[in-house]
């Protein structure tokens, strides 16, 4: 196989893979059953340090 053709195929496959990974992460974060956990995580930076 021509190295240029292989490079194009691998570039296309990596783009599709990263897009699917990104969509999967969005689904995981915004899934309705995870709302309570994500709300808790979003308030962590606003909590006072207890030292």
C-alpha atoms as a PDB file:
ATOM      1  CA  UNK A   1       0.000   0.000   0.000  1.00  0.00           C
ATOM      2  CA  UNK A   2       1.184   3.482  -0.854  1.00  0.00           C
ATOM      3  CA  UNK A   3       2.384   5.378   2.287  1.00  0.00           C
ATOM      4  CA  UNK A   4       0.434   8.490   1.259  1.00  0.00           C
ATOM      5  CA  UNK A   5      -2.793   6.499   0.945  1.00  0.00           C
ATOM      6  CA  UNK A   6      -2.156   4.814   4.318  1.00  0.00           C
ATOM      7  CA  UNK A   7      -1.560   8.225   5.912  1.00  0.00           C
ATOM      8  CA  UNK A   8      -4.875   9.510   4.556  1.00  0.00           C
ATOM      9  CA  UNK A   9      -6.780   6.450   5.781  1.00  0.00           C
ATOM     10  CA  UNK A  10      -5.225   6.636   9.267  1.00  0.00           C
ATOM     11  CA  UNK A  11      -5.944  10.372   9.449  1.00  0.00           C
ATOM     12  CA  UNK A  12      -9.575   9.784   8.570  1.00  0.00           C
ATOM     13  CA  UNK A  13      -9.922   6.908  11.034  1.00  0.00           C
ATOM     14  CA  UNK A  14      -8.359   8.911  13.864  1.00  0.00           C
ATOM     15  CA  UNK A  15     -10.693  11.839  13.191  1.00  0.00           C
ATOM     16  CA  UNK A  16     -13.741   9.563  13.277  1.00  0.00           C
ATOM     17  CA  UNK A  17     -12.458   7.814  16.428  1.00  0.00           C
ATOM     18  CA  UNK A  18     -11.897  11.101  18.296  1.00  0.00           C
ATOM     19  CA  UNK A  19     -15.305  12.413  17.215  1.00  0.00           C
ATOM     20  CA  UNK A  20     -17.024   9.264  18.520  1.00  0.00           C
ATOM     21  CA  UNK A  21     -15.006   9.488  21.750  1.00  0.00           C
ATOM     22  CA  UNK A  22     -16.088  13.123  22.180  1.00  0.00           C
ATOM     23  CA  UNK A  23     -19.761  12.303  21.595  1.00  0.00           C
ATOM     24  CA  UNK A  24     -19.483   9.397  24.039  1.00  0.00           C
ATOM     25  CA  UNK A  25     -18.026  11.673  26.700  1.00  0.00           C
ATOM     26  CA  UNK A  26     -20.813  14.189  26.174  1.00  0.00           C
ATOM     27  CA  UNK A  27     -23.421  11.463  26.540  1.00  0.00           C
ATOM     28  CA  UNK A  28     -21.739  10.162  29.686  1.00  0.00           C
ATOM     29  CA  UNK A  29     -21.551  13.605  31.312  1.00  0.00           C
ATOM     30  CA  UNK A  30     -25.023  14.800  30.371  1.00  0.00           C
ATOM     31  CA  UNK A  31     -26.863  11.519  30.966  1.00  0.00           C
ATOM     32  CA  UNK A  32     -29.903  12.325  33.182  1.00  0.00           C
ATOM     33  CA  UNK A  33     -29.065   9.759  35.875  1.00  0.00           C
ATOM     34  CA  UNK A  34     -25.662  11.457  36.464  1.00  0.00           C
ATOM     35  CA  UNK A  35     -27.164  14.904  37.129  1.00  0.00           C
ATOM     36  CA  UNK A  36     -26.893  14.734  40.922  1.00  0.00           C
ATOM     37  CA  UNK A  37     -23.249  13.650  40.767  1.00  0.00           C
ATOM     38  CA  UNK A  38     -22.327  16.339  38.237  1.00  0.00           C
ATOM     39  CA  UNK A  39     -24.124  19.035  40.249  1.00  0.00           C
ATOM     40  CA  UNK A  40     -22.072  18.007  43.279  1.00  0.00           C
ATOM     41  CA  UNK A  41     -18.854  18.105  41.232  1.00  0.00           C
ATOM     42  CA  UNK A  42     -19.677  21.582  39.915  1.00  0.00           C
ATOM     43  CA  UNK A  43     -19.938  23.001  43.458  1.00  0.00           C
ATOM     44  CA  UNK A  44     -16.541  21.708  44.640  1.00  0.00           C
ATOM     45  CA  UNK A  45     -14.540  24.822  43.574  1.00  0.00           C
ATOM     46  CA  UNK A  46     -16.924  27.041  45.531  1.00  0.00           C
ATOM     47  CA  UNK A  47     -16.549  25.205  48.823  1.00  0.00           C
ATOM     48  CA  UNK A  48     -14.300  26.622  51.527  1.00  0.00           C
ATOM     49  CA  UNK A  49     -11.150  24.773  52.471  1.00  0.00           C
ATOM     50  CA  UNK A  50     -11.441  23.282  55.911  1.00  0.00           C
ATOM     51  CA  UNK A  51      -7.849  23.436  57.158  1.00  0.00           C
END
